[in-house]
C-alpha atoms as a PDB file:
ATOM      1  CA  UNK A   1       0.000   0.000   0.000  1.00  0.00           C
ATOM      2  CA  UNK A   2       2.882   2.340   0.688  1.00  0.00           C
ATOM      3  CA  UNK A   3       4.049   1.874  -2.911  1.00  0.00           C
ATOM      4  CA  UNK A   4       0.711   3.267  -4.109  1.00  0.00           C
ATOM      5  CA  UNK A   5       0.952   6.109  -1.608  1.00  0.00           C
ATOM      6  CA  UNK A   6       4.492   6.859  -2.771  1.00  0.00           C
ATOM      7  CA  UNK A   7       3.260   7.072  -6.390  1.00  0.00           C
ATOM      8  CA  UNK A   8       0.789   9.747  -5.267  1.00  0.00           C
ATOM      9  CA  UNK A   9       3.481  11.646  -3.324  1.00  0.00           C
ATOM     10  CA  UNK A  10       1.874  10.740   0.007  1.00  0.00           C
ATOM     11  CA  UNK A  11       3.769   9.759   3.152  1.00  0.00           C
ATOM     12  CA  UNK A  12       3.866   6.069   4.115  1.00  0.00           C
ATOM     13  CA  UNK A  13       1.363   4.789   6.637  1.00  0.00           C
ATOM     14  CA  UNK A  14       2.572   4.968  10.210  1.00  0.00           C
ATOM     15  CA  UNK A  15       2.863   1.856  12.378  1.00  0.00           C
ATOM     16  CA  UNK A  16      -0.279   2.724  14.350  1.00  0.00           C
ATOM     17  CA  UNK A  17      -2.345   2.428  11.140  1.00  0.00           C
ATOM     18  CA  UNK A  18      -1.159  -1.122  10.406  1.00  0.00           C
ATOM     19  CA  UNK A  19      -0.459  -2.758  13.765  1.00  0.00           C
ATOM     20  CA  UNK A  20      -3.740  -4.752  13.937  1.00  0.00           C
ATOM     21  CA  UNK A  21      -6.236  -6.186  11.471  1.00  0.00           C
ATOM     22  CA  UNK A  22      -9.091  -3.741  12.134  1.00  0.00           C
ATOM     23  CA  UNK A  23      -6.912  -0.648  11.747  1.00  0.00           C
ATOM     24  CA  UNK A  24      -5.197  -2.046   8.671  1.00  0.00           C
ATOM     25  CA  UNK A  25      -8.545  -2.840   7.033  1.00  0.00           C
ATOM     26  CA  UNK A  26      -9.753   0.710   7.740  1.00  0.00           C
ATOM     27  CA  UNK A  27      -6.575   2.004   6.101  1.00  0.00           C
ATOM     28  CA  UNK A  28      -7.162  -0.204   3.040  1.00  0.00           C
ATOM     29  CA  UNK A  29     -10.765   0.947   2.811  1.00  0.00           C
ATOM     30  CA  UNK A  30      -9.705   4.604   3.021  1.00  0.00           C
ATOM     31  CA  UNK A  31      -7.032   4.086   0.344  1.00  0.00           C
ATOM     32  CA  UNK A  32      -9.579   2.510  -2.014  1.00  0.00           C
ATOM     33  CA  UNK A  33     -12.004   5.387  -1.430  1.00  0.00           C
ATOM     34  CA  UNK A  34      -9.305   7.934  -2.275  1.00  0.00           C
ATOM     35  CA  UNK A  35      -7.819   6.018  -5.222  1.00  0.00           C
ATOM     36  CA  UNK A  36     -11.108   5.038  -6.865  1.00  0.00           C
ATOM     37  CA  UNK A  37     -13.320   8.021  -6.023  1.00  0.00           C
ATOM     38  CA  UNK A  38     -14.121   8.865  -9.630  1.00  0.00           C
ATOM     39  CA  UNK A  39     -14.275   5.328 -10.993  1.00  0.00           C
ATOM     40  CA  UNK A  40     -17.580   4.170  -9.505  1.00  0.00           C
ATOM     41  CA  UNK A  41     -16.049   1.301  -7.503  1.00  0.00           C
ATOM     42  CA  UNK A  42     -17.378   2.182  -4.050  1.00  0.00           C
ATOM     43  CA  UNK A  43     -20.641   0.254  -4.295  1.00  0.00           C
ATOM     44  CA  UNK A  44     -18.791  -2.872  -5.422  1.00  0.00           C
ATOM     45  CA  UNK A  45     -16.426  -2.634  -2.452  1.00  0.00           C
ATOM     46  CA  UNK A  46     -19.359  -2.237  -0.074  1.00  0.00           C
ATOM     47  CA  UNK A  47     -20.982  -5.353  -1.478  1.00  0.00           C
ATOM     48  CA  UNK A  48     -17.749  -7.360  -1.412  1.00  0.00           C
ATOM     49  CA  UNK A  49     -17.065  -6.362   2.194  1.00  0.00           C
ATOM     50  CA  UNK A  50     -20.734  -6.799   3.212  1.00  0.00           C
ATOM     51  CA  UNK A  51     -20.686  -3.231   4.500  1.00  0.00           C
ATOM     52  CA  UNK A  52     -23.863  -1.798   2.952  1.00  0.00           C
ATOM     53  CA  UNK A  53     -25.689  -1.453   6.267  1.00  0.00           C
ATOM     54  CA  UNK A  54     -22.660   0.085   7.984  1.00  0.00           C
ATOM     55  CA  UNK A  55     -22.219   2.791   5.332  1.00  0.00           C
ATOM     56  CA  UNK A  56     -25.717   3.354   3.903  1.00  0.00           C
ATOM     57  CA  UNK A  57     -27.758   2.456   6.978  1.00  0.00           C
ATOM     58  CA  UNK A  58     -30.018  -0.524   7.690  1.00  0.00           C
ATOM     59  CA  UNK A  59     -32.938  -1.476   5.432  1.00  0.00           C
ATOM     60  CA  UNK A  60     -35.749   1.014   5.867  1.00  0.00           C
ATOM     61  CA  UNK A  61     -33.399   3.900   6.646  1.00  0.00           C
ATOM     62  CA  UNK A  62     -33.280   7.002   4.435  1.00  0.00           C
ATOM     63  CA  UNK A  63     -30.343   5.445   2.580  1.00  0.00           C
ATOM     64  CA  UNK A  64     -28.020   7.548   0.451  1.00  0.00           C
ATOM     65  CA  UNK A  65     -29.181  10.708  -1.266  1.00  0.00           C
ATOM     66  CA  UNK A  66     -27.602  12.876  -3.920  1.00  0.00           C
ATOM     67  CA  UNK A  67     -28.105  16.417  -2.649  1.00  0.00           C
ATOM     68  CA  UNK A  68     -28.183  19.473  -4.900  1.00  0.00           C
ATOM     69  CA  UNK A  69     -26.231  22.653  -4.189  1.00  0.00           C
ATOM     70  CA  UNK A  70     -29.213  24.161  -2.352  1.00  0.00           C
ATOM     71  CA  UNK A  71     -29.181  21.350   0.194  1.00  0.00           C
ATOM     72  CA  UNK A  72     -32.330  19.607  -1.039  1.00  0.00           C
ATOM     73  CA  UNK A  73     -32.630  15.847  -1.364  1.00  0.00           C
ATOM     74  CA  UNK A  74     -32.937  15.236  -5.071  1.00  0.00           C
ATOM     75  CA  UNK A  75     -32.232  11.589  -5.879  1.00  0.00           C
ATOM     76  CA  UNK A  76     -32.142   8.394  -3.828  1.00  0.00           C
ATOM     77  CA  UNK A  77     -29.142   6.277  -4.745  1.00  0.00           C
ATOM     78  CA  UNK A  78     -29.482   2.502  -4.709  1.00  0.00           C
ATOM     79  CA  UNK A  79     -33.142   2.516  -3.584  1.00  0.00           C
ATOM     80  CA  UNK A  80     -33.232  -1.301  -3.752  1.00  0.00           C
ATOM     81  CA  UNK A  81     -31.130  -1.199  -0.606  1.00  0.00           C
ATOM     82  CA  UNK A  82     -34.049   0.242   1.327  1.00  0.00           C
ATOM     83  CA  UNK A  83     -36.266  -2.837   1.063  1.00  0.00           C
ATOM     84  CA  UNK A  84     -35.990  -6.490   2.042  1.00  0.00           C
ATOM     85  CA  UNK A  85     -34.125  -7.271  -1.185  1.00  0.00           C
ATOM     86  CA  UNK A  86     -30.789  -6.225   0.304  1.00  0.00           C
ATOM     87  CA  UNK A  87     -29.614  -9.841   0.244  1.00  0.00           C
ATOM     88  CA  UNK A  88     -29.713  -9.623  -3.557  1.00  0.00           C
ATOM     89  CA  UNK A  89     -26.858  -7.137  -3.239  1.00  0.00           C
ATOM     90  CA  UNK A  90     -24.712  -9.810  -1.605  1.00  0.00           C
ATOM     91  CA  UNK A  91     -25.728 -13.017  -3.407  1.00  0.00           C
ATOM     92  CA  UNK A  92     -25.751 -13.385  -7.162  1.00  0.00           C
ATOM     93  CA  UNK A  93     -28.576 -14.934  -9.143  1.00  0.00           C
ATOM     94  CA  UNK A  94     -27.749 -18.201 -10.901  1.00  0.00           C
ATOM     95  CA  UNK A  95     -28.428 -17.585 -14.609  1.00  0.00           C
ATOM     96  CA  UNK A  96     -31.306 -19.635 -16.073  1.00  0.00           C
ATOM     97  CA  UNK A  97     -28.993 -21.025 -18.761  1.00  0.00           C
ATOM     98  CA  UNK A  98     -26.760 -22.575 -16.098  1.00  0.00           C
ATOM     99  CA  UNK A  99     -29.759 -24.048 -14.308  1.00  0.00           C
ATOM    100  CA  UNK A 100     -30.975 -25.500 -17.627  1.00  0.00           C
ATOM    101  CA  UNK A 101     -27.611 -27.241 -18.089  1.00  0.00           C
ATOM    102  CA  UNK A 102     -27.694 -28.712 -14.590  1.00  0.00           C
ATOM    103  CA  UNK A 103     -31.194 -29.470 -13.239  1.00  0.00           C
ATOM    104  CA  UNK A 104     -29.696 -30.223  -9.797  1.00  0.00           C
ATOM    105  CA  UNK A 105     -28.928 -26.525  -9.276  1.00  0.00           C
ATOM    106  CA  UNK A 106     -31.408 -24.579  -7.207  1.00  0.00           C
ATOM    107  CA  UNK A 107     -31.757 -20.815  -7.270  1.00  0.00           C
ATOM    108  CA  UNK A 108     -30.179 -18.777  -4.477  1.00  0.00           C
ATOM    109  CA  UNK A 109     -32.749 -17.949  -1.817  1.00  0.00           C
ATOM    110  CA  UNK A 110     -33.149 -14.182  -2.368  1.00  0.00           C
ATOM    111  CA  UNK A 111     -33.766 -14.789  -6.092  1.00  0.00           C
ATOM    112  CA  UNK A 112     -36.475 -17.464  -5.723  1.00  0.00           C
END
C-alpha cells in the first residue's frame, strides 16, 4: 500500500495504522475510497465487504441521497437497498442457462 501512496506523493502509513487487522482494514478501505473516487467502484467494495448497512444504513433507513447545491434531497441512490431485497446485493442470481444445463442446481434464496 505504501508503494501506491508513494506514487501519489503521500507519506507512508505509520505503524499505528497497520499494527492490527481492524486498523489495517480501515486504512485499506480509506485508500480505495481515495484512489477510486471517480471510478464508480465504491458500491462494489461495499458489497464485497458486506458493509452496505454500515455505510448506507439498515434497510428502511433514508439510505443515500444525492443532494443538490441548495441542500435539497434530489435523488435516492441505490433505492433497492431500502427494502428487504438487500440480500440480492450480496448473493448473485444463478443464470437460467446454467440451471438449464444442470437441473440439480437450485436458485439462491433471495432470487427465488
